[in-house]
């Protein structure tokens, strides 16, 4: 026997647009002289730009001519439109993008709604609030939103909802934190094969260390030695610079001591990493009293204490100021 989708019964009886219309009508009846500014979805205030109107008119005329009439377009979009996007949206920004990397669809609305069909019914979803209703309703009809009660879907609310927004803020920060840990671990493996940075289960926005030399035991960063702290801090700094460099060019790294806490192998690994960064065009500035560090850094500034309590800075670019 053919059965109906049981999740349809959980949908609220009134759709958003119908509810907006009902409230506007009710308010207008009570306040007939009020000049309403409509800010609901689809309520626009300005007309289409002349260039858009002209393009739509020309396109409509093409559909009325046998020589220029078009049916369904190619699955990836028309060539002229793909080339226009590449030439006007990407090339001016210095981005080299291939033709097959551009896909023309009918809009994000249907793509986002249909994307859920790739996943199982027990997949966890998160949506912003407010959001276009179809994104919630399509998941509700698939059984992923839970039960609708008191104006909320319990699975969506339980995932990232709280009255002060802290739960959603921590959720978003956690995603960024995971990305940063990925970048940091890629740098950390160059320094040592011993450690992996992970999120602390008890404090999701805090760090913990997985120690491969102790059978994968999870350790708190509060218990790290001076040498371990230096290596982890360097990996985190390099990871953060990798993230920032997507929008801001990060060319300099400043290290204030810390080398003295490293054993010979860790010191060699750290200096090798700094040498690679220098070869990639980064500027490395390190303060250290260790001969091993000074021997690996060609350009040096030397600070020499003087008997009168002052110090003398010497090296490239330094000159004594006129008395």
Protein backbone atom coordinates (compact mmCIF):
# COMPACT_ATOMS: atom_id res chain seq x y z
CA UNK A 1 0.00 0.00 0.00
CA UNK A 2 1.29 3.44 -0.90
CA UNK A 3 1.96 5.48 2.23
CA UNK A 4 2.40 9.21 2.69
CA UNK A 5 5.60 10.74 4.01
CA UNK A 6 5.01 10.93 7.80
CA UNK A 7 7.25 13.97 8.14
CA UNK A 8 4.74 16.10 6.22
CA UNK A 9 2.52 15.97 9.31
CA UNK A 10 5.23 17.74 11.33
CA UNK A 11 5.34 20.82 9.13
CA UNK A 12 3.72 23.91 10.70
CA UNK A 13 0.35 24.75 9.22
CA UNK A 14 1.22 28.27 8.06
CA UNK A 15 3.98 29.07 5.60
CA UNK A 16 6.21 32.11 6.20
CA UNK A 17 4.94 34.24 3.32
CA UNK A 18 1.33 33.55 4.20
CA UNK A 19 2.03 34.47 7.81
CA UNK A 20 3.74 37.72 6.77
CA UNK A 21 0.76 38.60 4.56
CA UNK A 22 -1.67 37.84 7.39
CA UNK A 23 0.17 40.07 9.86
CA UNK A 24 0.53 42.92 7.37
CA UNK A 25 -3.18 42.79 6.55
CA UNK A 26 -4.09 42.74 10.24
CA UNK A 27 -1.80 45.67 11.06
CA UNK A 28 -2.99 47.71 8.06
CA UNK A 29 -6.59 47.23 9.14
CA UNK A 30 -5.77 48.53 12.62
CA UNK A 31 -3.53 51.33 11.32
CA UNK A 32 -5.02 52.47 7.98
CA UNK A 33 -2.91 55.65 7.80
CA UNK A 34 0.42 53.88 8.43
CA UNK A 35 2.95 54.01 5.59
CA UNK A 36 4.46 50.52 5.66
CA UNK A 37 8.00 49.75 4.56
CA UNK A 38 7.98 46.10 3.54
CA UNK A 39 11.20 44.25 4.30
CA UNK A 40 9.97 40.70 3.81
CA UNK A 41 11.60 38.24 1.42
CA UNK A 42 10.85 39.31 -2.14
CA UNK A 43 9.75 42.83 -1.23
CA UNK A 44 11.98 45.07 -3.34
CA UNK A 45 12.24 48.85 -3.30
CA UNK A 46 14.19 49.75 -6.45
CA UNK A 47 13.57 48.91 -10.13
CA UNK A 48 15.89 46.81 -12.29
CA UNK A 49 18.89 48.57 -13.75
CA UNK A 50 18.50 49.61 -17.42
CA UNK A 51 21.28 47.23 -18.52
CA UNK A 52 19.43 44.30 -16.92
CA UNK A 53 16.13 45.29 -18.53
CA UNK A 54 17.82 45.61 -21.94
CA UNK A 55 19.48 42.19 -21.63
CA UNK A 56 16.20 40.51 -20.64
CA UNK A 57 14.33 42.17 -23.52
CA UNK A 58 16.97 41.08 -26.03
CA UNK A 59 16.93 37.55 -24.66
CA UNK A 60 13.14 37.41 -24.97
CA UNK A 61 13.37 38.63 -28.59
CA UNK A 62 15.90 35.89 -29.38
CA UNK A 63 13.38 33.29 -28.22
CA UNK A 64 10.92 34.61 -30.82
CA UNK A 65 13.33 34.10 -33.72
CA UNK A 66 13.93 30.70 -35.31
CA UNK A 67 17.63 31.41 -35.87
CA UNK A 68 18.35 32.44 -32.26
CA UNK A 69 15.77 30.34 -30.39
CA UNK A 70 17.24 28.14 -27.63
CA UNK A 71 15.79 25.23 -25.67
CA UNK A 72 17.49 23.75 -22.63
CA UNK A 73 21.06 25.02 -22.28
CA UNK A 74 24.14 22.80 -21.85
CA UNK A 75 24.44 21.15 -18.46
CA UNK A 76 27.38 23.38 -17.52
CA UNK A 77 25.91 26.61 -18.97
CA UNK A 78 26.31 28.47 -22.24
CA UNK A 79 29.87 29.01 -23.46
CA UNK A 80 29.45 32.78 -23.84
CA UNK A 81 28.24 33.08 -20.24
CA UNK A 82 31.06 30.92 -18.83
CA UNK A 83 33.64 32.96 -20.76
CA UNK A 84 32.05 36.23 -19.60
CA UNK A 85 32.29 35.10 -15.96
CA UNK A 86 35.96 34.13 -16.38
CA UNK A 87 36.87 37.34 -18.23
CA UNK A 88 35.01 39.81 -16.00
CA UNK A 89 34.84 38.18 -12.55
CA UNK A 90 38.12 36.28 -12.22
CA UNK A 91 40.78 37.62 -14.62
CA UNK A 92 40.61 41.19 -13.25
CA UNK A 93 41.50 39.70 -9.85
CA UNK A 94 44.49 37.84 -11.29
CA UNK A 95 42.80 34.44 -10.89
CA UNK A 96 43.53 31.88 -13.60
CA UNK A 97 40.47 29.64 -13.77
CA UNK A 98 39.78 26.90 -16.32
CA UNK A 99 36.63 26.76 -18.43
CA UNK A 100 35.42 23.52 -16.83
CA UNK A 101 35.74 25.03 -13.34
CA UNK A 102 32.74 27.30 -13.95
CA UNK A 103 29.27 25.76 -13.63
CA UNK A 104 26.06 27.67 -14.37
CA UNK A 105 23.03 26.58 -12.34
CA UNK A 106 19.55 28.01 -11.79
CA UNK A 107 20.59 29.40 -8.42
CA UNK A 108 21.75 28.45 -4.96
CA UNK A 109 18.24 27.88 -3.61
CA UNK A 110 17.56 24.63 -5.41
CA UNK A 111 21.19 23.51 -5.18
CA UNK A 112 21.27 23.89 -1.41
CA UNK A 113 17.89 22.21 -0.99
CA UNK A 114 18.88 19.30 -3.22
CA UNK A 115 22.31 18.89 -1.64
CA UNK A 116 20.75 17.16 1.36
CA UNK A 117 19.68 14.25 -0.83
CA UNK A 118 23.32 13.14 -0.91
CA UNK A 119 23.22 12.37 2.82
CA UNK A 120 21.39 9.92 5.05
CA UNK A 121 18.31 10.81 7.06
CA UNK A 122 20.26 10.87 10.33
CA UNK A 123 22.78 13.45 9.07
CA UNK A 124 23.16 16.48 11.34
CA UNK A 125 22.33 19.81 9.70
CA UNK A 126 22.74 23.41 10.80
CA UNK A 127 20.99 26.47 9.43
CA UNK A 128 21.08 30.15 10.32
CA UNK A 129 18.12 31.93 11.89
CA UNK A 130 16.46 33.61 10.09
CA UNK A 131 16.84 31.62 6.90
CA UNK A 132 14.93 31.09 3.69
CA UNK A 133 12.11 28.66 4.65
CA UNK A 134 12.82 26.06 1.96
CA UNK A 135 16.16 25.19 3.56
CA UNK A 136 14.46 24.19 6.80
CA UNK A 137 11.29 22.72 5.31
CA UNK A 138 13.11 20.52 2.81
CA UNK A 139 15.13 19.00 5.66
CA UNK A 140 12.05 18.70 7.83
CA UNK A 141 10.30 16.71 5.09
CA UNK A 142 13.33 14.42 4.97
CA UNK A 143 13.11 13.83 8.73
CA UNK A 144 16.31 15.63 9.69
CA UNK A 145 14.85 18.58 11.62
CA UNK A 146 13.16 16.60 14.38
CA UNK A 147 9.86 17.68 15.94
CA UNK A 148 8.33 21.15 15.54
CA UNK A 149 7.23 22.58 18.89
CA UNK A 150 6.84 26.11 20.25
CA UNK A 151 8.09 27.61 17.00
CA UNK A 152 11.29 25.52 16.88
CA UNK A 153 12.59 22.33 15.34
CA UNK A 154 14.16 20.47 18.25
CA UNK A 155 17.13 18.94 16.37
CA UNK A 156 18.13 22.26 14.82
CA UNK A 157 17.69 24.15 18.09
CA UNK A 158 19.57 21.55 20.14
CA UNK A 159 22.53 21.64 17.76
CA UNK A 160 23.52 25.30 17.84
CA UNK A 161 20.74 27.29 19.51
CA UNK A 162 20.87 29.27 22.77
CA UNK A 163 19.19 32.42 24.00
CA UNK A 164 22.41 34.47 24.03
CA UNK A 165 23.87 33.12 20.78
CA UNK A 166 26.86 31.59 22.60
CA UNK A 167 26.19 28.07 21.38
CA UNK A 168 26.16 29.12 17.73
CA UNK A 169 29.20 31.36 18.27
CA UNK A 170 31.13 28.44 19.79
CA UNK A 171 29.98 26.21 16.93
CA UNK A 172 31.30 28.66 14.31
CA UNK A 173 34.53 29.27 16.25
CA UNK A 174 35.00 25.51 16.54
CA UNK A 175 34.98 25.16 12.75
CA UNK A 176 37.65 27.85 12.40
CA UNK A 177 39.60 26.22 15.23
CA UNK A 178 39.60 22.87 13.40
CA UNK A 179 40.90 24.54 10.23
CA UNK A 180 43.66 26.27 12.18
CA UNK A 181 44.66 22.96 13.82
CA UNK A 182 44.92 21.35 10.40
CA UNK A 183 47.33 24.05 9.21
CA UNK A 184 49.30 23.88 12.47
CA UNK A 185 49.64 20.08 12.32
CA UNK A 186 51.00 20.28 8.78
CA UNK A 187 53.73 22.55 10.15
CA UNK A 188 54.20 20.48 13.33
CA UNK A 189 54.99 17.28 11.43
CA UNK A 190 57.95 19.10 9.87
CA UNK A 191 59.30 19.84 13.35
CA UNK A 192 58.60 16.55 15.11
CA UNK A 193 56.93 13.22 14.43
CA UNK A 194 55.92 12.99 18.08
CA UNK A 195 52.98 15.36 18.48
CA UNK A 196 49.53 15.99 17.00
CA UNK A 197 47.38 18.94 18.04
CA UNK A 198 43.72 18.16 18.77
CA UNK A 199 40.74 19.83 20.43
CA UNK A 200 40.30 19.17 24.13
CA UNK A 201 37.04 17.16 24.53
CA UNK A 202 36.27 18.90 27.82
CA UNK A 203 36.96 22.38 26.44
CA UNK A 204 36.20 22.38 22.69
CA UNK A 205 38.06 25.66 22.09
CA UNK A 206 41.18 24.53 23.97
CA UNK A 207 44.18 22.55 22.79
CA UNK A 208 45.43 19.10 23.74
CA UNK A 209 48.41 17.08 22.52
CA UNK A 210 48.46 13.50 21.30
CA UNK A 211 51.90 12.11 22.18
CA UNK A 212 53.00 9.34 19.79
CA UNK A 213 55.98 8.52 22.03
CA UNK A 214 53.59 7.71 24.89
CA UNK A 215 51.33 5.28 23.00
CA UNK A 216 49.09 8.07 21.70
CA UNK A 217 48.25 9.42 25.16
CA UNK A 218 46.37 12.70 25.20
CA UNK A 219 48.15 15.40 27.19
CA UNK A 220 47.17 18.87 28.31
CA UNK A 221 49.19 21.76 26.91
CA UNK A 222 49.59 22.95 30.50
CA UNK A 223 52.02 20.07 31.12
CA UNK A 224 54.35 20.70 28.19
CA UNK A 225 58.03 21.26 28.75
CA UNK A 226 59.75 24.43 27.59
CA UNK A 227 61.03 22.74 24.43
CA UNK A 228 57.63 21.22 23.65
CA UNK A 229 55.92 24.56 24.19
CA UNK A 230 58.33 26.25 21.77
CA UNK A 231 57.71 23.67 19.02
CA UNK A 232 53.92 23.77 19.45
CA UNK A 233 53.89 27.59 19.56
CA UNK A 234 55.97 27.78 16.39
CA UNK A 235 53.63 25.35 14.60
CA UNK A 236 50.57 27.36 15.71
CA UNK A 237 52.14 30.63 14.58
CA UNK A 238 52.95 29.17 11.18
CA UNK A 239 49.46 27.67 10.92
CA UNK A 240 47.82 31.00 11.73
CA UNK A 241 50.01 32.79 9.20
CA UNK A 242 48.89 30.27 6.57
CA UNK A 243 45.24 31.05 7.32
CA UNK A 244 45.78 34.81 7.35
CA UNK A 245 47.78 34.76 4.13
CA UNK A 246 44.63 33.98 2.12
CA UNK A 247 43.56 37.59 2.52
CA UNK A 248 46.61 39.29 4.05
CA UNK A 249 50.17 38.65 2.99
CA UNK A 250 52.22 37.53 6.02
CA UNK A 251 55.93 37.85 5.26
CA UNK A 252 57.55 38.20 8.69
CA UNK A 253 58.00 35.93 11.70
CA UNK A 254 59.46 37.29 14.97
CA UNK A 255 60.85 34.81 17.54
CA UNK A 256 61.87 36.07 20.98
CA UNK A 257 64.18 33.45 22.57
CA UNK A 258 62.86 29.94 23.31
CA UNK A 259 65.66 28.20 21.41
CA UNK A 260 67.54 27.47 24.62
CA UNK A 261 64.78 25.13 25.79
CA UNK A 262 65.26 22.78 22.80
CA UNK A 263 67.46 19.71 22.69
CA UNK A 264 69.93 19.32 19.82
CA UNK A 265 67.54 17.43 17.51
CA UNK A 266 64.57 19.75 18.15
CA UNK A 267 66.77 22.80 17.66
CA UNK A 268 68.03 21.46 14.34
CA UNK A 269 64.44 20.74 13.18
CA UNK A 270 63.30 24.22 14.19
CA UNK A 271 66.19 25.89 12.36
CA UNK A 272 65.59 23.73 9.26
CA UNK A 273 61.94 24.88 9.26
CA UNK A 274 62.98 28.53 9.57
CA UNK A 275 65.46 28.05 6.71
CA UNK A 276 62.68 26.67 4.50
CA UNK A 277 60.48 29.63 5.34
CA UNK A 278 63.31 32.01 4.48
CA UNK A 279 63.77 30.23 1.14
CA UNK A 280 60.03 30.80 0.50
CA UNK A 281 60.52 34.55 0.90
CA UNK A 282 59.59 34.95 4.57
CA UNK A 283 61.53 37.32 6.81
CA UNK A 284 62.64 35.63 10.02
CA UNK A 285 63.76 37.69 13.02
CA UNK A 286 65.06 35.72 16.02
CA UNK A 287 66.49 36.84 19.35
CA UNK A 288 68.89 34.27 20.75
CA UNK A 289 72.18 33.90 22.63
CA UNK A 290 72.90 30.41 21.25
CA UNK A 291 75.92 30.02 18.92
CA UNK A 292 74.02 27.33 16.95
CA UNK A 293 71.32 29.84 16.06
CA UNK A 294 73.75 32.63 15.21
CA UNK A 295 75.70 30.33 12.90
CA UNK A 296 72.58 29.57 10.84
CA UNK A 297 71.41 33.18 10.43
CA UNK A 298 73.63 35.20 8.06
CA UNK A 299 72.28 38.70 8.75
CA UNK A 300 72.71 39.62 12.41
CA UNK A 301 72.32 42.57 14.74
CA UNK A 302 74.47 42.37 17.86
CA UNK A 303 73.54 44.02 21.16
CA UNK A 304 76.63 44.69 23.30
CA UNK A 305 76.30 45.96 26.90
CA UNK A 306 78.45 48.98 27.77
CA UNK A 307 80.01 49.85 31.15
CA UNK A 308 77.75 52.88 31.63
CA UNK A 309 74.64 50.70 31.64
CA UNK A 310 73.62 51.39 28.04
CA UNK A 311 73.98 49.02 25.07
CA UNK A 312 75.45 49.27 21.60
CA UNK A 313 73.53 47.89 18.63
CA UNK A 314 75.75 46.98 15.67
CA UNK A 315 75.20 45.25 12.35
CA UNK A 316 73.77 45.92 8.87
CA UNK A 317 71.94 49.24 8.69
CA UNK A 318 73.17 50.45 12.10
CA UNK A 319 75.07 53.70 12.58
CA UNK A 320 75.96 55.78 15.60
CA UNK A 321 73.73 58.80 15.96
CA UNK A 322 75.37 62.20 16.00
CA UNK A 323 76.03 63.54 19.51
